[in-house]
Protein backbone atom coordinates (compact mmCIF):
# COMPACT_ATOMS: atom_id res chain seq x y z
CA MET A 1 -68.55 37.99 13.48
CA ALA A 2 -64.63 36.63 13.06
CA ALA A 3 -62.79 38.38 10.24
CA CYS A 4 -62.77 36.36 7.06
CA THR A 5 -65.56 33.71 8.47
CA GLY A 6 -65.07 30.71 6.13
CA CYS A 7 -61.61 31.55 5.15
CA HIS A 8 -58.52 29.51 6.06
CA VAL A 9 -54.89 30.00 6.36
CA GLU A 10 -52.74 26.87 5.62
CA LEU A 11 -48.82 26.63 6.08
CA ARG A 12 -46.53 23.72 5.21
CA LEU A 13 -43.59 23.74 7.63
CA PRO A 14 -40.31 21.85 7.54
CA ASN A 15 -40.06 18.66 10.22
CA ARG A 16 -37.95 20.48 12.71
CA PRO A 17 -38.20 21.56 15.89
CA GLU A 18 -37.12 25.27 15.24
CA PHE A 19 -40.21 25.64 13.07
CA VAL A 20 -42.89 25.01 16.28
CA ALA A 21 -42.31 28.95 17.06
CA VAL A 22 -43.55 29.57 13.59
CA ALA A 23 -46.81 27.62 13.92
CA ARG A 24 -47.15 29.11 17.14
CA LEU A 25 -46.92 32.59 16.24
CA ALA A 26 -48.82 31.94 12.70
CA VAL A 27 -51.99 30.63 14.55
CA ALA A 28 -51.68 33.20 17.44
CA ALA A 29 -52.10 36.04 14.78
CA VAL A 30 -54.90 34.26 13.26
CA ALA A 31 -56.69 33.87 16.72
CA THR A 32 -55.91 37.56 17.46
CA ARG A 33 -57.64 38.46 14.33
CA MET A 34 -60.59 36.67 15.49
CA GLY A 35 -60.89 38.29 18.73
CA PHE A 36 -59.95 35.55 20.97
CA ASP A 37 -58.56 37.07 24.49
CA ILE A 38 -55.10 36.55 25.64
CA ALA A 39 -55.46 33.52 27.77
CA ASP A 40 -57.23 31.72 25.06
CA ILE A 41 -54.27 32.77 22.84
CA GLU A 42 -52.18 31.27 25.07
CA ASP A 43 -54.04 27.97 25.63
CA ILE A 44 -54.16 27.53 21.64
CA LYS A 45 -50.43 28.34 21.39
CA VAL A 46 -49.64 25.50 24.03
CA ALA A 47 -51.87 22.89 22.04
CA ILE A 48 -50.28 23.91 18.86
CA GLY A 49 -46.98 23.56 20.13
CA GLU A 50 -48.02 20.21 21.43
CA ALA A 51 -49.30 19.00 18.29
CA CYS A 52 -46.54 20.19 16.23
CA THR A 53 -43.95 18.53 18.47
CA ASN A 54 -45.60 14.95 18.47
CA ALA A 55 -45.64 15.43 14.37
CA ILE A 56 -42.09 16.15 14.61
CA GLU A 57 -41.21 13.59 17.14
CA HIS A 58 -43.25 10.68 16.04
CA GLY A 59 -44.94 11.53 12.60
CA CYS A 60 -41.86 11.56 10.76
CA ALA A 61 -39.77 8.97 12.36
CA GLY A 62 -36.87 11.47 13.77
CA ALA A 63 -35.77 12.31 10.14
CA ASN A 64 -35.46 15.87 8.69
CA THR A 65 -37.53 15.25 5.78
CA GLY A 66 -41.08 15.19 5.23
CA MET A 67 -43.46 18.38 6.04
CA ILE A 68 -46.11 19.13 8.46
CA THR A 69 -49.21 20.79 7.32
CA LEU A 70 -51.09 23.40 9.61
CA ARG A 71 -54.49 24.30 8.63
CA CYS A 72 -56.34 27.13 10.69
CA GLU A 73 -60.33 27.38 9.70
CA LEU A 74 -62.27 30.62 10.70
CA GLY A 75 -65.53 29.69 11.69
CA GLU A 76 -67.77 32.58 13.01
CA ASP A 77 -67.49 31.75 16.60
CA GLU A 78 -64.79 29.21 16.29
CA LEU A 79 -61.27 28.57 15.37
CA VAL A 80 -60.56 25.04 13.86
CA ILE A 81 -57.09 24.01 13.95
CA THR A 82 -55.40 20.66 12.28
CA VAL A 83 -51.99 19.24 12.18
CA HIS A 84 -51.14 16.75 9.88
CA ASP A 85 -48.06 14.80 9.56
CA PRO A 86 -47.25 11.86 6.78
CA GLY A 87 -45.64 9.50 9.29
CA ASP A 88 -46.91 6.02 10.43
CA GLY A 89 -49.32 7.21 13.04
CA PHE A 90 -50.41 5.58 16.47
CA ASP A 91 -53.45 4.40 18.31
CA PRO A 92 -54.65 7.78 19.77
CA THR A 93 -56.80 5.93 22.15
CA THR A 94 -54.06 4.71 24.17
CA ALA A 95 -52.47 7.70 25.62
CA SER A 96 -56.00 9.00 26.73
CA ARG A 97 -57.19 5.61 27.98
CA GLN A 98 -53.78 5.46 30.17
CA HIS A 99 -54.19 8.58 31.81
CA ARG A 100 -57.86 8.29 32.57
CA HIS A 101 -57.30 4.83 34.51
CA GLY A 102 -53.94 6.07 36.13
CA THR A 103 -51.36 3.98 34.46
CA MET A 104 -49.27 6.45 32.88
CA THR A 105 -46.43 7.97 35.01
CA LEU A 106 -45.31 11.63 34.35
CA SER A 107 -42.09 10.42 32.85
CA GLU A 108 -44.04 8.56 30.09
CA ARG A 109 -45.13 9.98 26.67
CA GLY A 110 -48.89 11.20 26.20
CA LEU A 111 -48.93 14.04 28.22
CA GLY A 112 -49.11 16.58 25.06
CA MET A 113 -52.26 14.82 23.84
CA LEU A 114 -53.63 15.16 27.48
CA LEU A 115 -52.73 19.07 27.35
CA ILE A 116 -54.24 19.64 24.11
CA GLU A 117 -57.56 17.93 25.37
CA SER A 118 -57.25 19.94 28.56
CA LEU A 119 -56.91 23.57 26.88
CA MET A 120 -59.10 23.22 23.70
CA ASP A 121 -63.12 23.10 23.46
CA ALA A 122 -62.77 19.54 21.31
CA SER A 123 -60.03 17.70 19.73
CA GLU A 124 -59.58 14.35 17.98
CA VAL A 125 -56.77 12.38 16.43
CA THR A 126 -57.32 10.44 13.30
CA CYS A 127 -54.83 7.85 11.96
CA THR A 128 -54.58 6.48 8.52
CA PRO A 129 -52.04 3.95 7.40
CA GLY A 130 -50.23 5.15 4.28
CA ASN A 131 -51.59 8.82 5.35
CA GLY A 132 -50.25 9.92 8.67
CA THR A 133 -51.71 11.27 11.85
CA LEU A 134 -54.31 14.39 11.80
CA VAL A 135 -54.80 16.27 15.08
CA ARG A 136 -58.00 18.34 14.79
CA MET A 137 -58.59 20.92 17.76
CA VAL A 138 -61.57 23.53 17.93
CA LYS A 139 -61.66 26.51 20.26
CA ARG A 140 -64.62 28.58 20.29
CA VAL A 141 -64.72 32.49 21.11
CA ARG A 142 -66.62 32.94 24.40
CA ALA A 143 -69.76 35.26 24.52
CA THR A 144 -67.62 38.12 26.01
CA GLU A 145 -64.99 37.75 23.53
CA ALA A 146 -67.61 37.82 20.41
CA LYS A 147 -69.13 41.06 22.00
CA GLU A 148 -65.85 42.95 22.01
CA ARG A 149 -65.36 42.24 18.08
């Protein structure tokens, strides 16, 4: 069982690249506490880095204003992480569709979302005009990790 099942940790971070490391470290600490192994923690850290970087680059239109909200919800066998920015949003199906149909080159944008989809057990992006973009990611504790807790 996860430490503090049903609890959550929430951070509000400035819209600045130097705070991505803070987000990664905070989520890594939560994941460690839940009993994730090092490989899964590294996957989680990469996904968080991508989501936060996208929020900084796109969500706040490059301004050094605004805050990104990072939330971790501790479930019994999963960690649900959301990254929310107050920006205008984007069409989340565009990047995934381009990757699936092979129309995006490696020099184009959208690889962060592909990484998130690959590293996490589930992910979704919700864009609401006037309320920004919310990236929701789920990582489940594997059976072998759960036995070790």
